[in-house]
């Protein structure tokens, strides 16, 4: 029996409803559905019963389909970590940059899953380590970003940032974002960092509201090590990984961020240029663009006109 993991934003009635309909369509095609045991009651109340359930790590499955926004997809990436199961997001949120389909495309999603016409790409992640006094006190990982943020609203966070074991600058700031290309359209974008195409291998470091002469976003090699040290004695910080997992950062804490040892596998039904996604998700104005195809048609038209002119002569 083929099995697909089903995850949804269970706090949203529309997400559960769409996921239940999707599950029924899959099962009619002979594909079984597995759901987290913690979500069983919610799905059962919506009419979805007789599913495989799992605690913690998913059972053996070929794909995880996720209904919700980017937060739900990040939860799915966490759930599927270590299993090799690719994640396919169906957007029910606002921007939904991680999603590969929208709710209105549900019939196409069902067909793509049943026929296995989706493709899978690996996205770079980061591994994070926190030390205090030379002792490791926390380890974590992120698909989008690891951010160091101030714990107290009324005080700036005093930080020294380092690249490849060399100090770069000291910032009094609200925090620092260490992002992946996948996360460049998330917190990194809000903090003023650059948008990086997903196929580019790089790590990003972007200060948040830094009071410093040099406070520019940095883009470094994927093999680099980013480090952030809390040096202000009167402030403490918090480490957030994908906005989901946190660790306290006292004075003297050191956060090291490196390329993750395990990528996240994202599935896509119809691969499209990343530029098209930017335009669609951010509703960017492109009126007046003619592009290569339009210019080619114009040249072909002119060529036909010239040809007719020579024939007439």
Protein backbone atom coordinates (compact mmCIF):
# COMPACT_ATOMS: atom_id res chain seq x y z
CA UNK A 1 0.00 0.00 0.00
CA UNK A 2 1.33 3.43 -0.96
CA UNK A 3 1.29 5.94 1.90
CA UNK A 4 1.30 9.74 1.98
CA UNK A 5 1.70 11.76 5.16
CA UNK A 6 -1.00 14.41 5.64
CA UNK A 7 -0.33 17.52 7.73
CA UNK A 8 -2.53 20.58 8.12
CA UNK A 9 -2.93 23.72 10.18
CA UNK A 10 -5.42 22.12 12.58
CA UNK A 11 -6.34 25.50 14.07
CA UNK A 12 -7.91 26.52 10.77
CA UNK A 13 -11.20 24.95 9.79
CA UNK A 14 -10.66 25.58 6.08
CA UNK A 15 -7.27 23.85 6.13
CA UNK A 16 -8.72 20.75 7.82
CA UNK A 17 -11.67 20.69 5.42
CA UNK A 18 -9.46 20.87 2.32
CA UNK A 19 -7.07 18.25 3.75
CA UNK A 20 -9.95 15.87 4.44
CA UNK A 21 -11.23 16.23 0.87
CA UNK A 22 -7.72 15.64 -0.46
CA UNK A 23 -7.39 12.52 1.71
CA UNK A 24 -10.64 11.05 0.41
CA UNK A 25 -9.54 11.64 -3.19
CA UNK A 26 -6.22 9.92 -2.52
CA UNK A 27 -7.82 6.92 -0.87
CA UNK A 28 -10.18 6.48 -3.81
CA UNK A 29 -7.02 6.17 -5.92
CA UNK A 30 -5.63 3.47 -3.63
CA UNK A 31 -3.19 5.65 -1.69
CA UNK A 32 -3.25 5.39 2.08
CA UNK A 33 -2.95 8.44 4.36
CA UNK A 34 -0.95 8.80 7.59
CA UNK A 35 -1.58 11.59 10.12
CA UNK A 36 0.05 12.58 13.42
CA UNK A 37 -1.65 10.96 16.39
CA UNK A 38 -1.96 14.42 17.96
CA UNK A 39 -4.18 15.52 15.05
CA UNK A 40 -6.38 12.41 14.98
CA UNK A 41 -9.26 13.90 17.00
CA UNK A 42 -9.43 17.03 14.83
CA UNK A 43 -9.51 15.04 11.61
CA UNK A 44 -11.99 12.52 13.03
CA UNK A 45 -14.36 15.38 13.93
CA UNK A 46 -14.11 16.53 10.29
CA UNK A 47 -15.04 13.06 9.05
CA UNK A 48 -11.64 11.55 8.33
CA UNK A 49 -11.31 8.12 9.98
CA UNK A 50 -9.43 4.85 9.47
CA UNK A 51 -6.12 6.55 8.82
CA UNK A 52 -2.68 5.36 9.81
CA UNK A 53 -1.41 7.40 12.77
CA UNK A 54 2.11 7.99 14.03
CA UNK A 55 3.81 9.51 17.06
CA UNK A 56 6.98 11.53 16.51
CA UNK A 57 8.64 10.40 13.30
CA UNK A 58 6.28 9.50 10.41
CA UNK A 59 5.86 5.94 9.29
CA UNK A 60 7.39 4.91 5.99
CA UNK A 61 5.85 7.14 3.32
CA UNK A 62 6.71 8.46 -0.15
CA UNK A 63 5.60 12.06 0.38
CA UNK A 64 4.21 14.52 2.93
CA UNK A 65 1.49 16.90 1.72
CA UNK A 66 0.94 19.99 3.85
CA UNK A 67 -2.07 22.31 3.96
CA UNK A 68 -1.45 25.74 5.48
CA UNK A 69 1.01 28.59 5.31
CA UNK A 70 4.78 28.61 5.58
CA UNK A 71 4.60 28.01 9.34
CA UNK A 72 2.79 24.71 8.78
CA UNK A 73 5.31 23.73 6.11
CA UNK A 74 8.16 24.46 8.54
CA UNK A 75 6.42 22.21 11.04
CA UNK A 76 6.24 19.49 8.37
CA UNK A 77 9.96 19.89 7.63
CA UNK A 78 10.62 19.39 11.33
CA UNK A 79 8.32 16.35 11.46
CA UNK A 80 9.95 14.72 8.42
CA UNK A 81 13.53 15.54 9.39
CA UNK A 82 15.72 12.45 9.25
CA UNK A 83 13.24 10.40 7.20
CA UNK A 84 14.08 11.51 3.66
CA UNK A 85 10.37 12.13 3.01
CA UNK A 86 9.91 15.11 0.64
CA UNK A 87 7.42 17.81 1.57
CA UNK A 88 4.83 19.28 -0.82
CA UNK A 89 3.11 22.44 0.41
CA UNK A 90 -0.39 23.55 -0.56
CA UNK A 91 -0.78 27.22 0.34
CA UNK A 92 -3.70 28.33 2.49
CA UNK A 93 -1.84 31.23 4.05
CA UNK A 94 -0.96 34.66 2.73
CA UNK A 95 2.34 34.72 0.81
CA UNK A 96 3.24 31.05 1.23
CA UNK A 97 6.68 31.12 -0.37
CA UNK A 98 7.45 27.52 0.58
CA UNK A 99 4.25 26.17 -0.94
CA UNK A 100 4.31 24.70 -4.44
CA UNK A 101 0.55 24.74 -5.07
CA UNK A 102 -2.58 26.63 -4.09
CA UNK A 103 -5.88 25.27 -2.76
CA UNK A 104 -7.63 25.82 -6.09
CA UNK A 105 -5.12 23.44 -7.70
CA UNK A 106 -6.24 20.52 -5.52
CA UNK A 107 -7.27 18.24 -8.42
CA UNK A 108 -3.81 18.75 -9.98
CA UNK A 109 -2.16 17.98 -6.64
CA UNK A 110 -4.11 14.71 -6.33
CA UNK A 111 -3.19 13.72 -9.89
CA UNK A 112 0.46 14.63 -9.42
CA UNK A 113 0.73 12.61 -6.20
CA UNK A 114 -1.08 9.59 -7.64
CA UNK A 115 0.94 9.61 -10.87
CA UNK A 116 4.20 10.56 -9.08
CA UNK A 117 4.84 13.38 -11.55
CA UNK A 118 6.33 15.68 -8.92
CA UNK A 119 10.03 16.48 -8.73
CA UNK A 120 12.13 16.84 -5.60
CA UNK A 121 14.90 19.34 -4.81
CA UNK A 122 17.12 19.60 -1.76
CA UNK A 123 17.24 22.89 0.13
CA UNK A 124 20.22 24.02 2.18
CA UNK A 125 19.70 24.18 5.97
CA UNK A 126 21.81 25.50 8.86
CA UNK A 127 23.01 23.76 12.01
CA UNK A 128 23.26 25.90 15.14
CA UNK A 129 25.29 25.47 18.32
CA UNK A 130 25.16 27.60 21.48
CA UNK A 131 28.04 27.62 23.96
CA UNK A 132 28.45 29.43 27.28
CA UNK A 133 31.87 29.44 28.89
CA UNK A 134 33.07 26.88 26.34
CA UNK A 135 30.30 24.41 27.22
CA UNK A 136 27.69 23.43 24.63
CA UNK A 137 24.28 24.28 26.09
CA UNK A 138 22.04 23.92 23.01
CA UNK A 139 22.05 22.62 19.44
CA UNK A 140 19.43 23.19 16.78
CA UNK A 141 18.82 23.58 13.05
CA UNK A 142 16.76 25.71 10.65
CA UNK A 143 15.47 25.69 7.09
CA UNK A 144 14.75 29.44 6.87
CA UNK A 145 16.87 31.17 9.50
CA UNK A 146 18.46 31.22 12.93
CA UNK A 147 17.94 34.61 14.53
CA UNK A 148 19.53 36.11 17.63
CA UNK A 149 17.15 38.66 19.16
CA UNK A 150 17.07 40.86 22.22
CA UNK A 151 15.14 39.49 25.17
CA UNK A 152 14.12 42.88 26.61
CA UNK A 153 12.22 45.31 24.40
CA UNK A 154 13.66 48.42 26.05
CA UNK A 155 17.35 47.53 25.61
CA UNK A 156 19.59 47.01 22.60
CA UNK A 157 21.53 43.79 22.27
CA UNK A 158 25.33 44.22 22.22
CA UNK A 159 26.87 41.70 19.83
CA UNK A 160 30.18 40.94 18.15
CA UNK A 161 29.81 39.08 14.85
CA UNK A 162 32.43 36.84 13.35
CA UNK A 163 33.00 35.14 9.99
CA UNK A 164 35.35 32.17 9.72
CA UNK A 165 36.96 32.80 13.13
CA UNK A 166 37.67 36.47 12.38
CA UNK A 167 35.76 39.37 14.02
CA UNK A 168 33.85 41.58 11.56
CA UNK A 169 31.97 44.15 13.61
CA UNK A 170 30.29 45.01 16.90
CA UNK A 171 26.64 46.00 16.76
CA UNK A 172 24.21 47.51 19.18
CA UNK A 173 21.04 46.19 17.59
CA UNK A 174 17.70 44.44 17.94
CA UNK A 175 19.29 41.23 16.67
CA UNK A 176 20.91 39.38 13.78
CA UNK A 177 19.38 37.03 11.21
CA UNK A 178 21.46 34.15 9.79
CA UNK A 179 19.46 32.91 6.83
CA UNK A 180 19.56 30.35 4.04
CA UNK A 181 18.62 31.15 0.42
CA UNK A 182 15.25 29.50 1.11
CA UNK A 183 14.77 31.84 4.06
CA UNK A 184 15.87 34.93 2.15
CA UNK A 185 12.20 35.75 1.39
CA UNK A 186 11.19 35.38 5.04
CA UNK A 187 12.62 37.17 8.12
CA UNK A 188 15.76 38.04 6.16
CA UNK A 189 13.65 40.00 3.65
CA UNK A 190 11.82 41.88 6.41
CA UNK A 191 15.18 42.81 7.98
CA UNK A 192 16.41 44.32 4.70
CA UNK A 193 18.49 41.40 3.48
CA UNK A 194 18.88 40.36 -0.17
CA UNK A 195 16.68 37.85 -1.94
CA UNK A 196 18.78 34.89 -3.05
CA UNK A 197 17.69 32.32 -5.64
CA UNK A 198 17.17 28.89 -3.95
CA UNK A 199 19.73 27.14 -6.14
CA UNK A 200 22.49 29.47 -4.93
CA UNK A 201 24.60 27.96 -2.15
CA UNK A 202 25.28 30.70 0.38
CA UNK A 203 24.74 31.82 3.96
CA UNK A 204 23.37 35.26 4.85
CA UNK A 205 23.93 37.47 7.91
CA UNK A 206 21.71 40.53 8.34
CA UNK A 207 21.64 42.90 11.34
CA UNK A 208 18.28 44.09 12.65
CA UNK A 209 18.11 47.85 13.37
CA UNK A 210 21.85 48.08 14.05
CA UNK A 211 23.35 51.32 15.43
CA UNK A 212 26.69 51.16 13.62
CA UNK A 213 28.52 52.75 10.72
CA UNK A 214 28.93 49.35 9.08
CA UNK A 215 25.68 47.39 9.24
CA UNK A 216 25.28 45.95 5.77
CA UNK A 217 23.88 42.50 4.95
CA UNK A 218 26.58 39.90 4.34
CA UNK A 219 26.48 36.99 1.87
CA UNK A 220 29.19 34.40 2.46
CA UNK A 221 30.31 30.98 1.29
CA UNK A 222 28.18 27.97 2.31
CA UNK A 223 31.31 26.52 3.91
CA UNK A 224 31.79 29.57 6.16
CA UNK A 225 31.10 29.63 9.89
CA UNK A 226 29.02 32.50 11.22
CA UNK A 227 29.37 33.34 14.90
CA UNK A 228 27.59 35.82 17.18
CA UNK A 229 28.69 36.61 20.73
CA UNK A 230 26.58 38.39 23.34
CA UNK A 231 29.00 40.94 24.85
CA UNK A 232 26.74 43.48 26.54
CA UNK A 233 26.63 42.73 30.28
CA UNK A 234 23.24 44.38 30.77
CA UNK A 235 21.33 42.56 28.02
CA UNK A 236 20.41 39.00 27.22
CA UNK A 237 19.19 37.46 24.01
CA UNK A 238 17.09 34.67 22.59
CA UNK A 239 17.96 32.30 19.75
CA UNK A 240 15.06 31.42 17.47
CA UNK A 241 15.27 28.71 14.80
CA UNK A 242 12.59 29.11 12.11
CA UNK A 243 10.58 31.01 14.71
CA UNK A 244 9.62 27.68 16.27
CA UNK A 245 12.42 26.57 18.61
CA UNK A 246 14.07 28.88 21.14
CA UNK A 247 17.07 28.99 23.51
CA UNK A 248 18.08 31.67 26.02
CA UNK A 249 21.34 33.55 25.43
CA UNK A 250 22.92 34.98 28.60
CA UNK A 251 25.89 37.35 28.66
CA UNK A 252 28.89 35.57 27.13
CA UNK A 253 26.82 33.20 25.01
CA UNK A 254 28.25 32.29 21.61
CA UNK A 255 26.08 31.16 18.69
CA UNK A 256 27.72 29.35 15.77
CA UNK A 257 25.87 28.79 12.49
CA UNK A 258 27.14 26.50 9.73
CA UNK A 259 25.69 24.73 6.73
CA UNK A 260 23.39 21.95 7.88
CA UNK A 261 24.44 18.34 7.53
CA UNK A 262 20.94 17.37 6.39
CA UNK A 263 19.01 19.29 3.69
CA UNK A 264 15.23 19.53 3.51
CA UNK A 265 13.61 17.87 0.49
CA UNK A 266 10.85 19.96 -1.11
CA UNK A 267 8.57 18.55 -3.80
CA UNK A 268 7.24 20.52 -6.76
CA UNK A 269 4.45 19.65 -9.18
CA UNK A 270 5.33 22.08 -11.97
CA UNK A 271 8.79 23.62 -11.60
CA UNK A 272 8.68 27.32 -12.46
CA UNK A 273 11.34 30.06 -12.61
CA UNK A 274 11.96 31.63 -9.21
CA UNK A 275 11.43 35.08 -10.76
CA UNK A 276 7.85 34.08 -11.62
CA UNK A 277 7.29 33.05 -8.03
CA UNK A 278 8.59 36.39 -6.76
CA UNK A 279 6.22 38.26 -9.04
CA UNK A 280 3.24 36.08 -8.09
CA UNK A 281 3.80 35.92 -4.34
CA UNK A 282 4.72 39.59 -3.85
CA UNK A 283 2.33 40.82 -6.57
CA UNK A 284 5.17 42.75 -8.20
CA UNK A 285 4.30 45.20 -11.01
CA UNK A 286 5.58 43.97 -14.37
CA UNK A 287 3.19 45.84 -16.68
CA UNK A 288 4.88 46.87 -19.91
CA UNK A 289 7.39 44.03 -19.93
CA UNK A 290 7.78 42.61 -23.40
CA UNK A 291 10.57 40.12 -22.81
CA UNK A 292 12.50 37.86 -25.13
CA UNK A 293 9.42 36.06 -26.48
CA UNK A 294 7.68 39.33 -27.35
CA UNK A 295 10.80 40.68 -29.05
CA UNK A 296 11.18 37.43 -30.98
CA UNK A 297 7.59 37.67 -32.23
CA UNK A 298 8.20 41.28 -33.28
CA UNK A 299 11.35 40.31 -35.20
CA UNK A 300 9.50 37.46 -36.90
CA UNK A 301 6.71 39.85 -37.87
CA UNK A 302 9.21 42.33 -39.30
CA UNK A 303 10.92 39.53 -41.19
CA UNK A 304 7.62 38.52 -42.79
CA UNK A 305 6.89 42.14 -43.71
CA UNK A 306 10.34 42.53 -45.29
CA UNK A 307 9.86 39.33 -47.22
CA UNK A 308 6.51 40.48 -48.58
CA UNK A 309 8.08 43.83 -49.54
CA UNK A 310 10.83 42.10 -51.56
CA UNK A 311 8.27 39.89 -53.26
CA UNK A 312 6.17 42.90 -54.22
CA UNK A 313 9.17 44.59 -55.74
